[in-house]
C-alpha atoms as a PDB file:
ATOM      1  CA  MET A   1     148.565-200.461-146.787  1.00  0.00           C
ATOM      2  CA  SER A   2     148.634-200.800-142.749  1.00  0.00           C
ATOM      3  CA  PHE A   3     150.833-204.472-143.577  1.00  0.00           C
ATOM      4  CA  LEU A   4     153.322-202.564-145.580  1.00  0.00           C
ATOM      5  CA  VAL A   5     153.982-199.579-143.343  1.00  0.00           C
ATOM      6  CA  ARG A   6     154.645-202.526-140.544  1.00  0.00           C
ATOM      7  CA  ALA A   7     157.063-203.518-142.960  1.00  0.00           C
ATOM      8  CA  TRP A   8     158.816-200.484-143.598  1.00  0.00           C
ATOM      9  CA  TYR A   9     159.292-199.548-140.015  1.00  0.00           C
ATOM     10  CA  ASN A  10     160.363-202.993-139.126  1.00  0.00           C
ATOM     11  CA  LYS A  11     162.913-203.175-141.887  1.00  0.00           C
ATOM     12  CA  ALA A  12     161.377-206.233-143.451  1.00  0.00           C
ATOM     13  CA  PRO A  13     164.180-207.787-145.841  1.00  0.00           C
ATOM     14  CA  TRP A  14     161.768-208.938-148.325  1.00  0.00           C
ATOM     15  CA  LEU A  15     161.548-205.267-149.105  1.00  0.00           C
ATOM     16  CA  TRP A  16     164.482-205.472-151.257  1.00  0.00           C
ATOM     17  CA  LEU A  17     162.619-207.193-153.502  1.00  0.00           C
ATOM     18  CA  LEU A  18     160.965-203.788-154.266  1.00  0.00           C
ATOM     19  CA  TRP A  19     164.295-201.721-154.729  1.00  0.00           C
ATOM     20  CA  PRO A  20     163.995-201.932-158.649  1.00  0.00           C
ATOM     21  CA  ILE A  21     160.692-200.132-158.626  1.00  0.00           C
ATOM     22  CA  SER A  22     161.849-197.902-156.153  1.00  0.00           C
ATOM     23  CA  LEU A  23     164.693-196.590-158.226  1.00  0.00           C
ATOM     24  CA  LEU A  24     162.443-196.028-161.226  1.00  0.00           C
ATOM     25  CA  PHE A  25     160.010-194.185-158.818  1.00  0.00           C
ATOM     26  CA  ARG A  26     163.045-191.738-157.884  1.00  0.00           C
ATOM     27  CA  ALA A  27     164.121-191.553-161.341  1.00  0.00           C
ATOM     28  CA  ILE A  28     160.705-190.143-162.212  1.00  0.00           C
ATOM     29  CA  THR A  29     160.530-188.142-158.968  1.00  0.00           C
ATOM     30  CA  VAL A  30     163.598-186.240-160.123  1.00  0.00           C
ATOM     31  CA  TRP A  31     162.059-185.985-163.572  1.00  0.00           C
ATOM     32  CA  ARG A  32     159.184-184.281-161.989  1.00  0.00           C
ATOM     33  CA  LYS A  33     160.732-182.137-159.842  1.00  0.00           C
ATOM     34  CA  ARG A  34     162.957-180.417-162.568  1.00  0.00           C
ATOM     35  CA  VAL A  35     159.657-179.847-165.142  1.00  0.00           C
ATOM     36  CA  GLN A  36     157.543-178.315-162.152  1.00  0.00           C
ATOM     37  CA  GLN A  37     160.167-176.219-160.754  1.00  0.00           C
ATOM     38  CA  ALA A  38     161.184-174.872-164.244  1.00  0.00           C
ATOM     39  CA  GLN A  39     157.213-173.815-164.613  1.00  0.00           C
ATOM     40  CA  ALA A  40     157.282-172.264-161.218  1.00  0.00           C
ATOM     41  CA  ARG A  41     156.690-168.441-161.006  1.00  0.00           C
ATOM     42  CA  PRO A  42     157.603-165.995-157.762  1.00  0.00           C
ATOM     43  CA  SER A  43     154.722-165.492-155.543  1.00  0.00           C
ATOM     44  CA  ASP A  44     153.703-161.869-154.625  1.00  0.00           C
ATOM     45  CA  VAL A  45     153.976-163.245-150.672  1.00  0.00           C
ATOM     46  CA  PRO A  46     156.189-165.259-148.971  1.00  0.00           C
ATOM     47  CA  VAL A  47     155.502-168.583-149.189  1.00  0.00           C
ATOM     48  CA  ILE A  48     156.589-171.284-146.200  1.00  0.00           C
ATOM     49  CA  VAL A  49     156.058-175.036-147.122  1.00  0.00           C
ATOM     50  CA  VAL A  50     155.168-177.606-143.920  1.00  0.00           C
ATOM     51  CA  GLY A  51     155.552-180.769-145.305  1.00  0.00           C
ATOM     52  CA  ASN A  52     157.859-184.181-144.991  1.00  0.00           C
ATOM     53  CA  ILE A  53     159.673-186.579-146.927  1.00  0.00           C
ATOM     54  CA  ALA A  54     157.893-189.634-145.382  1.00  0.00           C
ATOM     55  CA  VAL A  55     154.277-190.860-146.427  1.00  0.00           C
ATOM     56  CA  GLY A  56     151.836-190.700-143.206  1.00  0.00           C
ATOM     57  CA  GLY A  57     152.023-188.177-140.558  1.00  0.00           C
ATOM     58  CA  THR A  58     154.411-186.667-138.808  1.00  0.00           C
ATOM     59  CA  GLY A  59     153.050-183.795-136.859  1.00  0.00           C
ATOM     60  CA  LYS A  60     152.796-181.451-140.075  1.00  0.00           C
ATOM     61  CA  THR A  61     149.353-179.785-139.289  1.00  0.00           C
ATOM     62  CA  PRO A  62     149.785-179.374-135.445  1.00  0.00           C
ATOM     63  CA  LEU A  63     152.944-177.350-136.251  1.00  0.00           C
ATOM     64  CA  LEU A  64     151.597-175.463-139.272  1.00  0.00           C
ATOM     65  CA  ILE A  65     148.689-174.314-136.872  1.00  0.00           C
ATOM     66  CA  SER A  66     151.139-173.247-134.280  1.00  0.00           C
ATOM     67  CA  LEU A  67     153.305-171.546-137.210  1.00  0.00           C
ATOM     68  CA  CYS A  68     149.600-169.436-137.910  1.00  0.00           C
ATOM     69  CA  LYS A  69     149.367-168.350-134.512  1.00  0.00           C
ATOM     70  CA  HIS A  70     152.911-166.963-134.026  1.00  0.00           C
ATOM     71  CA  LEU A  71     152.796-165.094-137.349  1.00  0.00           C
ATOM     72  CA  GLN A  72     149.535-163.375-136.183  1.00  0.00           C
ATOM     73  CA  ASP A  73     151.035-162.672-132.805  1.00  0.00           C
ATOM     74  CA  GLN A  74     154.071-160.876-134.890  1.00  0.00           C
ATOM     75  CA  GLY A  75     151.281-158.671-136.703  1.00  0.00           C
ATOM     76  CA  MET A  76     150.791-160.707-139.917  1.00  0.00           C
ATOM     77  CA  GLN A  77     147.968-161.934-141.797  1.00  0.00           C
ATOM     78  CA  PRO A  78     148.748-165.651-142.552  1.00  0.00           C
ATOM     79  CA  GLY A  79     146.445-167.723-144.899  1.00  0.00           C
ATOM     80  CA  VAL A  80     146.717-171.511-145.632  1.00  0.00           C
ATOM     81  CA  ILE A  81     146.508-173.342-148.881  1.00  0.00           C
ATOM     82  CA  SER A  82     146.139-177.411-148.753  1.00  0.00           C
ATOM     83  CA  ARG A  83     145.639-180.288-151.199  1.00  0.00           C
ATOM     84  CA  GLY A  84     142.729-181.470-148.705  1.00  0.00           C
ATOM     85  CA  TYR A  85     143.309-185.204-148.908  1.00  0.00           C
ATOM     86  CA  GLY A  86     140.155-186.886-149.379  1.00  0.00           C
ATOM     87  CA  ALA A  87     138.321-184.039-150.112  1.00  0.00           C
ATOM     88  CA  LYS A  88     135.219-184.108-152.759  1.00  0.00           C
ATOM     89  CA  ALA A  89     134.384-180.750-153.406  1.00  0.00           C
ATOM     90  CA  ASN A  90     132.185-180.013-156.308  1.00  0.00           C
ATOM     91  CA  SER A  91     134.915-177.805-157.939  1.00  0.00           C
ATOM     92  CA  TYR A  92     138.250-175.850-156.843  1.00  0.00           C
ATOM     93  CA  PRO A  93     139.305-173.442-155.537  1.00  0.00           C
ATOM     94  CA  LEU A  94     137.398-174.732-152.280  1.00  0.00           C
ATOM     95  CA  HIS A  95     137.538-171.611-149.794  1.00  0.00           C
ATOM     96  CA  VAL A  96     136.597-173.055-146.309  1.00  0.00           C
ATOM     97  CA  ASP A  97     134.519-171.686-144.099  1.00  0.00           C
ATOM     98  CA  VAL A  98     132.217-172.601-141.146  1.00  0.00           C
ATOM     99  CA  GLY A  99     129.597-174.230-143.033  1.00  0.00           C
ATOM    100  CA  THR A 100     131.843-176.367-145.019  1.00  0.00           C
ATOM    101  CA  SER A 101     132.083-180.232-144.551  1.00  0.00           C
ATOM    102  CA  VAL A 102     135.050-182.548-144.072  1.00  0.00           C
ATOM    103  CA  GLU A 103     133.553-184.006-147.210  1.00  0.00           C
ATOM    104  CA  GLN A 104     134.107-180.907-148.974  1.00  0.00           C
ATOM    105  CA  ALA A 105     137.530-180.063-147.835  1.00  0.00           C
ATOM    106  CA  GLY A 106     139.226-182.967-146.032  1.00  0.00           C
ATOM    107  CA  ASP A 107     139.633-183.101-142.060  1.00  0.00           C
ATOM    108  CA  GLU A 108     142.967-181.155-141.943  1.00  0.00           C
ATOM    109  CA  PRO A 109     141.593-177.821-143.721  1.00  0.00           C
ATOM    110  CA  VAL A 110     138.477-178.039-141.665  1.00  0.00           C
ATOM    111  CA  LEU A 111     140.991-178.285-138.491  1.00  0.00           C
ATOM    112  CA  ILE A 112     143.080-175.530-139.699  1.00  0.00           C
ATOM    113  CA  ALA A 113     140.409-172.949-140.287  1.00  0.00           C
ATOM    114  CA  GLU A 114     138.716-173.783-136.966  1.00  0.00           C
ATOM    115  CA  LYS A 115     142.070-173.493-134.856  1.00  0.00           C
ATOM    116  CA  THR A 116     143.457-170.592-136.673  1.00  0.00           C
ATOM    117  CA  GLY A 117     140.596-168.313-137.918  1.00  0.00           C
ATOM    118  CA  CYS A 118     142.964-167.954-140.898  1.00  0.00           C
ATOM    119  CA  PRO A 119     141.545-168.179-144.348  1.00  0.00           C
ATOM    120  CA  VAL A 120     141.907-171.498-146.188  1.00  0.00           C
ATOM    121  CA  VAL A 121     141.853-172.586-149.401  1.00  0.00           C
ATOM    122  CA  VAL A 122     141.686-176.533-150.660  1.00  0.00           C
ATOM    123  CA  ASP A 123     142.646-177.464-154.357  1.00  0.00           C
ATOM    124  CA  PRO A 124     144.813-180.268-155.552  1.00  0.00           C
ATOM    125  CA  ASN A 125     146.590-177.925-157.762  1.00  0.00           C
ATOM    126  CA  ARG A 126     148.476-175.807-154.745  1.00  0.00           C
ATOM    127  CA  VAL A 127     149.328-172.836-157.099  1.00  0.00           C
ATOM    128  CA  GLN A 128     145.725-172.452-158.292  1.00  0.00           C
ATOM    129  CA  ALA A 129     145.071-172.428-154.557  1.00  0.00           C
ATOM    130  CA  LEU A 130     147.822-169.611-153.996  1.00  0.00           C
ATOM    131  CA  GLN A 131     146.277-167.417-156.654  1.00  0.00           C
ATOM    132  CA  SER A 132     142.808-167.875-155.520  1.00  0.00           C
ATOM    133  CA  ILE A 133     143.577-166.979-151.960  1.00  0.00           C
ATOM    134  CA  LEU A 134     145.493-164.202-152.838  1.00  0.00           C
ATOM    135  CA  ALA A 135     142.764-162.785-154.980  1.00  0.00           C
ATOM    136  CA  GLU A 136     139.873-163.351-152.068  1.00  0.00           C
ATOM    137  CA  HIS A 137     141.658-162.557-149.075  1.00  0.00           C
ATOM    138  CA  GLN A 138     143.939-159.949-147.490  1.00  0.00           C
ATOM    139  CA  VAL A 139     147.101-162.093-146.796  1.00  0.00           C
ATOM    140  CA  ASP A 140     150.465-161.174-146.364  1.00  0.00           C
ATOM    141  CA  ILE A 141     152.088-164.462-146.017  1.00  0.00           C
ATOM    142  CA  VAL A 142     150.745-168.052-146.992  1.00  0.00           C
ATOM    143  CA  LEU A 143     151.625-171.303-145.556  1.00  0.00           C
ATOM    144  CA  SER A 144     151.318-174.587-147.670  1.00  0.00           C
ATOM    145  CA  ASP A 145     150.279-177.720-145.388  1.00  0.00           C
ATOM    146  CA  ASP A 146     151.990-180.385-147.381  1.00  0.00           C
ATOM    147  CA  GLY A 147     153.586-179.734-150.872  1.00  0.00           C
ATOM    148  CA  LEU A 148     157.200-179.993-149.912  1.00  0.00           C
ATOM    149  CA  GLN A 149     157.048-182.296-153.399  1.00  0.00           C
ATOM    150  CA  HIS A 150     154.705-179.579-154.967  1.00  0.00           C
ATOM    151  CA  TYR A 151     157.744-177.883-157.159  1.00  0.00           C
ATOM    152  CA  ARG A 152     155.699-175.851-159.275  1.00  0.00           C
ATOM    153  CA  LEU A 153     154.895-173.883-155.939  1.00  0.00           C
ATOM    154  CA  GLN A 154     157.554-171.000-155.668  1.00  0.00           C
ATOM    155  CA  ARG A 155     158.512-170.984-151.893  1.00  0.00           C
ATOM    156  CA  ARG A 156     160.456-168.546-149.698  1.00  0.00           C
ATOM    157  CA  ILE A 157     161.050-171.243-146.808  1.00  0.00           C
ATOM    158  CA  GLU A 158     160.769-174.826-146.430  1.00  0.00           C
ATOM    159  CA  ILE A 159     160.134-176.568-143.470  1.00  0.00           C
ATOM    160  CA  ALA A 160     160.428-180.290-143.238  1.00  0.00           C
ATOM    161  CA  VAL A 161     158.847-182.580-140.156  1.00  0.00           C
ATOM    162  CA  VAL A 162     160.097-185.748-139.012  1.00  0.00           C
ATOM    163  CA  ASP A 163     158.494-188.276-136.789  1.00  0.00           C
ATOM    164  CA  GLY A 164     161.325-188.913-133.990  1.00  0.00           C
ATOM    165  CA  ILE A 165     159.625-192.163-133.161  1.00  0.00           C
ATOM    166  CA  ARG A 166     159.438-193.773-136.629  1.00  0.00           C
ATOM    167  CA  LEU A 167     162.116-191.664-138.005  1.00  0.00           C
ATOM    168  CA  PHE A 168     162.894-192.885-141.494  1.00  0.00           C
ATOM    169  CA  GLY A 169     162.073-196.664-141.709  1.00  0.00           C
ATOM    170  CA  ASN A 170     164.382-198.910-143.652  1.00  0.00           C
ATOM    171  CA  GLU A 171     165.306-195.159-145.712  1.00  0.00           C
ATOM    172  CA  LEU A 172     164.271-196.663-149.198  1.00  0.00           C
ATOM    173  CA  CYS A 173     161.701-194.677-151.367  1.00  0.00           C
ATOM    174  CA  LEU A 174     158.405-196.014-152.253  1.00  0.00           C
ATOM    175  CA  PRO A 175     157.516-198.899-152.765  1.00  0.00           C
ATOM    176  CA  ALA A 176     160.387-200.324-150.945  1.00  0.00           C
ATOM    177  CA  GLY A 177     160.124-197.982-148.236  1.00  0.00           C
ATOM    178  CA  PRO A 178     158.445-195.047-146.692  1.00  0.00           C
ATOM    179  CA  LEU A 179     160.006-191.795-148.460  1.00  0.00           C
ATOM    180  CA  ARG A 180     158.651-189.809-151.093  1.00  0.00           C
ATOM    181  CA  GLU A 181     162.524-188.154-151.407  1.00  0.00           C
ATOM    182  CA  PRO A 182     165.584-189.972-149.934  1.00  0.00           C
ATOM    183  CA  VAL A 183     167.020-188.443-146.578  1.00  0.00           C
ATOM    184  CA  SER A 184     169.329-186.595-148.107  1.00  0.00           C
ATOM    185  CA  ARG A 185     166.671-183.999-149.361  1.00  0.00           C
ATOM    186  CA  LEU A 186     166.668-182.611-145.878  1.00  0.00           C
ATOM    187  CA  GLN A 187     169.904-180.969-146.377  1.00  0.00           C
ATOM    188  CA  SER A 188     168.130-178.305-148.678  1.00  0.00           C
ATOM    189  CA  VAL A 189     165.337-177.294-146.456  1.00  0.00           C
ATOM    190  CA  ASP A 190     165.906-174.331-144.759  1.00  0.00           C
ATOM    191  CA  LEU A 191     164.423-175.735-141.137  1.00  0.00           C
ATOM    192  CA  LEU A 192     163.846-178.855-140.265  1.00  0.00           C
ATOM    193  CA  VAL A 193     161.664-180.163-137.086  1.00  0.00           C
ATOM    194  CA  VAL A 194     161.569-183.510-135.051  1.00  0.00           C
ATOM    195  CA  ASN A 195     158.368-184.360-133.646  1.00  0.00           C
ATOM    196  CA  GLY A 196     159.259-186.121-130.128  1.00  0.00           C
ATOM    197  CA  GLY A 197     161.411-188.955-129.940  1.00  0.00           C
ATOM    198  CA  GLU A 198     164.366-190.073-128.080  1.00  0.00           C
ATOM    199  CA  GLU A 199     167.382-188.126-127.399  1.00  0.00           C
ATOM    200  CA  ALA A 200     169.362-190.308-129.773  1.00  0.00           C
ATOM    201  CA  MET A 201     168.946-189.046-133.168  1.00  0.00           C
ATOM    202  CA  HIS A 202     169.738-189.986-136.982  1.00  0.00           C
ATOM    203  CA  PRO A 203     172.951-188.015-138.218  1.00  0.00           C
ATOM    204  CA  ALA A 204     170.455-186.355-140.763  1.00  0.00           C
ATOM    205  CA  LEU A 205     168.962-184.781-137.882  1.00  0.00           C
ATOM    206  CA  GLU A 206     172.066-183.259-136.407  1.00  0.00           C
ATOM    207  CA  LYS A 207     170.395-179.404-136.747  1.00  0.00           C
ATOM    208  CA  ALA A 208     166.732-180.308-136.394  1.00  0.00           C
ATOM    209  CA  HIS A 209     164.744-178.518-133.856  1.00  0.00           C
ATOM    210  CA  ARG A 210     162.487-180.560-131.417  1.00  0.00           C
ATOM    211  CA  MET A 211     159.054-179.899-131.125  1.00  0.00           C
ATOM    212  CA  GLN A 212     156.688-181.611-128.417  1.00  0.00           C
ATOM    213  CA  ILE A 213     153.033-182.034-128.827  1.00  0.00           C
ATOM    214  CA  LYS A 214     151.385-181.612-125.517  1.00  0.00           C
ATOM    215  CA  SER A 215     147.745-182.598-124.365  1.00  0.00           C
ATOM    216  CA  VAL A 216     146.250-180.084-122.356  1.00  0.00           C
ATOM    217  CA  ALA A 217     142.572-180.777-122.105  1.00  0.00           C
ATOM    218  CA  LEU A 218     139.469-183.134-122.904  1.00  0.00           C
ATOM    219  CA  VAL A 219     136.671-181.617-124.871  1.00  0.00           C
ATOM    220  CA  ASN A 220     133.221-183.177-124.854  1.00  0.00           C
ATOM    221  CA  LEU A 221     132.332-183.142-128.617  1.00  0.00           C
ATOM    222  CA  ALA A 222     128.390-183.135-127.457  1.00  0.00           C
ATOM    223  CA  SER A 223     128.698-180.178-124.823  1.00  0.00           C
ATOM    224  CA  GLY A 224     132.056-178.285-125.675  1.00  0.00           C
ATOM    225  CA  GLU A 225     132.578-179.054-121.690  1.00  0.00           C
ATOM    226  CA  ARG A 226     136.589-178.562-121.523  1.00  0.00           C
ATOM    227  CA  ARG A 227     138.330-180.299-118.726  1.00  0.00           C
ATOM    228  CA  PRO A 228     142.384-180.462-117.901  1.00  0.00           C
ATOM    229  CA  PHE A 229     143.958-183.528-119.490  1.00  0.00           C
ATOM    230  CA  SER A 230     146.231-184.652-116.776  1.00  0.00           C
ATOM    231  CA  GLY A 231     144.548-186.868-114.269  1.00  0.00           C
ATOM    232  CA  ALA A 232     140.639-185.538-115.734  1.00  0.00           C
ATOM    233  CA  PRO A 233     137.730-187.705-114.334  1.00  0.00           C
ATOM    234  CA  PHE A 234     135.079-188.276-116.953  1.00  0.00           C
ATOM    235  CA  ASN A 235     131.256-188.394-116.206  1.00  0.00           C
ATOM    236  CA  ILE A 236     130.857-191.878-116.980  1.00  0.00           C
ATOM    237  CA  GLY A 237     132.774-194.979-116.999  1.00  0.00           C
ATOM    238  CA  ASN A 238     136.294-195.991-115.998  1.00  0.00           C
ATOM    239  CA  THR A 239     137.728-197.256-119.028  1.00  0.00           C
ATOM    240  CA  ILE A 240     139.151-195.342-122.111  1.00  0.00           C
ATOM    241  CA  GLN A 241     137.760-196.345-125.640  1.00  0.00           C
ATOM    242  CA  ALA A 242     140.882-194.755-128.049  1.00  0.00           C
ATOM    243  CA  VAL A 243     139.654-194.229-131.502  1.00  0.00           C
ATOM    244  CA  ALA A 244     142.491-193.159-133.896  1.00  0.00           C
ATOM    245  CA  ALA A 245     142.367-192.592-137.962  1.00  0.00           C
ATOM    246  CA  ILE A 246     145.701-190.752-138.185  1.00  0.00           C
ATOM    247  CA  GLY A 247     149.129-191.531-139.589  1.00  0.00           C
ATOM    248  CA  ASN A 248     150.809-192.566-136.304  1.00  0.00           C
ATOM    249  CA  PRO A 249     147.969-193.758-133.991  1.00  0.00           C
ATOM    250  CA  HIS A 250     150.384-195.288-131.487  1.00  0.00           C
ATOM    251  CA  ARG A 251     151.544-192.199-130.403  1.00  0.00           C
ATOM    252  CA  PHE A 252     148.460-191.140-129.754  1.00  0.00           C
ATOM    253  CA  PHE A 253     147.548-194.132-127.739  1.00  0.00           C
ATOM    254  CA  GLU A 254     150.824-193.164-125.814  1.00  0.00           C
ATOM    255  CA  SER A 255     149.727-189.830-124.750  1.00  0.00           C
ATOM    256  CA  LEU A 256     146.259-191.504-123.552  1.00  0.00           C
ATOM    257  CA  GLU A 257     148.476-194.017-121.130  1.00  0.00           C
ATOM    258  CA  SER A 258     149.352-191.021-118.835  1.00  0.00           C
ATOM    259  CA  LEU A 259     145.477-190.671-117.597  1.00  0.00           C
ATOM    260  CA  PRO A 260     144.473-193.330-114.569  1.00  0.00           C
ATOM    261  CA  TYR A 261     142.310-195.443-116.382  1.00  0.00           C
ATOM    262  CA  PRO A 262     142.441-198.665-118.558  1.00  0.00           C
ATOM    263  CA  LEU A 263     142.700-198.211-122.344  1.00  0.00           C
ATOM    264  CA  GLN A 264     141.126-200.023-125.003  1.00  0.00           C
ATOM    265  CA  ARG A 265     142.715-198.942-128.470  1.00  0.00           C
ATOM    266  CA  TYR A 266     140.726-198.777-131.723  1.00  0.00           C
ATOM    267  CA  GLU A 267     142.747-198.218-135.032  1.00  0.00           C
ATOM    268  CA  PHE A 268     141.439-196.890-138.455  1.00  0.00           C
ATOM    269  CA  PRO A 269     143.012-196.133-141.756  1.00  0.00           C
ATOM    270  CA  ASP A 270     144.654-192.564-142.002  1.00  0.00           C
ATOM    271  CA  HIS A 271     141.786-189.867-142.813  1.00  0.00           C
ATOM    272  CA  TYR A 272     139.233-192.800-142.327  1.00  0.00           C
ATOM    273  CA  ARG A 273     135.718-190.740-142.758  1.00  0.00           C
ATOM    274  CA  PHE A 274     133.758-191.754-139.325  1.00  0.00           C
ATOM    275  CA  GLN A 275     129.810-192.692-139.607  1.00  0.00           C
ATOM    276  CA  ALA A 276     127.714-193.341-136.493  1.00  0.00           C
ATOM    277  CA  SER A 277     127.418-196.499-137.849  1.00  0.00           C
ATOM    278  CA  ASP A 278     131.401-197.348-136.823  1.00  0.00           C
ATOM    279  CA  PHE A 279     130.841-197.054-133.429  1.00  0.00           C
ATOM    280  CA  ASP A 280     127.988-199.638-133.042  1.00  0.00           C
ATOM    281  CA  GLN A 281     129.559-202.141-135.443  1.00  0.00           C
ATOM    282  CA  THR A 282     132.885-201.863-133.582  1.00  0.00           C
ATOM    283  CA  LYS A 283     130.706-202.445-130.481  1.00  0.00           C
ATOM    284  CA  LEU A 284     132.129-199.607-128.463  1.00  0.00           C
ATOM    285  CA  ASP A 285     130.374-199.401-125.271  1.00  0.00           C
ATOM    286  CA  PRO A 286     127.970-196.211-125.048  1.00  0.00           C
ATOM    287  CA  ASN A 287     128.675-196.253-120.943  1.00  0.00           C
ATOM    288  CA  GLN A 288     132.493-195.669-121.403  1.00  0.00           C
ATOM    289  CA  PRO A 289     134.412-192.326-122.770  1.00  0.00           C
ATOM    290  CA  ILE A 290     135.576-192.510-126.455  1.00  0.00           C
ATOM    291  CA  VAL A 291     138.513-190.478-126.721  1.00  0.00           C
ATOM    292  CA  MET A 292     139.990-189.232-130.257  1.00  0.00           C
ATOM    293  CA  THR A 293     142.385-186.700-131.476  1.00  0.00           C
ATOM    294  CA  GLU A 294     141.020-183.012-132.606  1.00  0.00           C
ATOM    295  CA  LYS A 295     141.166-183.906-136.620  1.00  0.00           C
ATOM    296  CA  ASP A 296     139.096-187.039-136.049  1.00  0.00           C
ATOM    297  CA  ALA A 297     136.530-185.025-134.144  1.00  0.00           C
ATOM    298  CA  THR A 298     135.924-182.905-137.110  1.00  0.00           C
ATOM    299  CA  LYS A 299     134.298-186.229-138.664  1.00  0.00           C
ATOM    300  CA  CYS A 300     132.205-186.989-135.812  1.00  0.00           C
ATOM    301  CA  ARG A 301     130.893-183.804-134.658  1.00  0.00           C
ATOM    302  CA  ASP A 302     127.059-184.187-136.577  1.00  0.00           C
ATOM    303  CA  PHE A 303     126.687-187.508-134.546  1.00  0.00           C
ATOM    304  CA  ALA A 304     128.510-186.781-131.506  1.00  0.00           C
ATOM    305  CA  THR A 305     127.132-188.438-128.291  1.00  0.00           C
ATOM    306  CA  THR A 306     127.706-187.437-124.671  1.00  0.00           C
ATOM    307  CA  ASN A 307     130.292-189.663-124.064  1.00  0.00           C
ATOM    308  CA  MET A 308     132.676-188.776-127.185  1.00  0.00           C
ATOM    309  CA  TRP A 309     135.526-186.458-126.074  1.00  0.00           C
ATOM    310  CA  CYS A 310     138.902-185.351-128.028  1.00  0.00           C
ATOM    311  CA  VAL A 311     142.042-184.143-126.434  1.00  0.00           C
ATOM    312  CA  GLU A 312     143.055-180.729-127.040  1.00  0.00           C
ATOM    313  CA  THR A 313     146.427-180.057-128.049  1.00  0.00           C
ATOM    314  CA  THR A 314     149.343-177.251-127.894  1.00  0.00           C
ATOM    315  CA  VAL A 315     152.782-177.427-129.872  1.00  0.00           C
ATOM    316  CA  GLU A 316     155.944-176.348-127.786  1.00  0.00           C
ATOM    317  CA  LEU A 317     158.714-175.303-129.894  1.00  0.00           C
ATOM    318  CA  PRO A 318     162.005-173.934-128.994  1.00  0.00           C
ATOM    319  CA  PRO A 319     162.614-170.109-129.011  1.00  0.00           C
ATOM    320  CA  VAL A 320     165.646-170.707-131.475  1.00  0.00           C
ATOM    321  CA  PHE A 321     163.165-172.298-134.059  1.00  0.00           C
ATOM    322  CA  LEU A 322     161.005-169.591-134.121  1.00  0.00           C
ATOM    323  CA  SER A 323     163.810-166.696-134.037  1.00  0.00           C
ATOM    324  CA  SER A 324     165.252-168.486-137.123  1.00  0.00           C
ATOM    325  CA  LEU A 325     162.189-168.561-138.918  1.00  0.00           C
ATOM    326  CA  ASP A 326     161.682-164.928-138.401  1.00  0.00           C
ATOM    327  CA  ALA A 327     165.138-164.181-139.651  1.00  0.00           C
ATOM    328  CA  ALA A 328     164.491-165.904-142.790  1.00  0.00           C
ATOM    329  CA  LEU A 329     161.414-163.934-143.517  1.00  0.00           C
ATOM    330  CA  ASN A 330     163.263-160.838-142.686  1.00  0.00           C
ATOM    331  CA  LYS A 331     166.110-161.594-145.147  1.00  0.00           C
END
């Protein structure tokens, strides 16, 4: 898959050979959308879908966590529903709590529950997840982690997130390109967010709001010790061993380059389920710090060693975005 991802974003000419299949994929997507929209039923509470049109990570989950905190600050009681990518629960819907493992729920739902304290329900059928969270929890607004293309889920607000560095690759739909839906789909969403990137933007992003993910602290997985991110010294070693199993690992690696240490990069597939043996087989040095994302840290805590750290982040959003969100909810 990494080979195909590189081809998409490097705009390899041979991908046009897959264009006929992309046309078929697009036709199926349009048919599926119409069928699902006809089945959609109104919800008792507002639903906000935070999603994207491209496969892979764009920053949806950090944004959703930030939105949950904003809504809590407004006196609301948000809940979160998720597909739970890679989850292997015995049954669904699965209500995530402090005892729920990443194997059961997936890494993103566990992280969301830890960071927000909100009720989180996992189910590949998001309509069923919505019904369950409303039946079991006192929530007055629900956010869907991903699900922009899950049209059976009736939504009040759609928020699309775009990776400001990778943008849309060759702008073709799967499998010839990285898009689940064409770029024109962004014209119909309520709010558009660009995660980082340069000032020069794609024409489709003219009205987008820019968000920045800022690193604020390094947290030790074994002890819980927190250190300021900027220039933070480690207890041991002088080389950062950066480990990432996320959609765009290069963004994470680049964020670590501001630290005053040499950097060794170790890339794993997105959502990879780490085991203790992975760190031995990769021959990481136990005398040097291992640094990872908060999402990856959820999969390593059971076997964390004292040289394992994660980067705690915060999302910066322009005030006009939050005021636009509040206005849309109050319509």
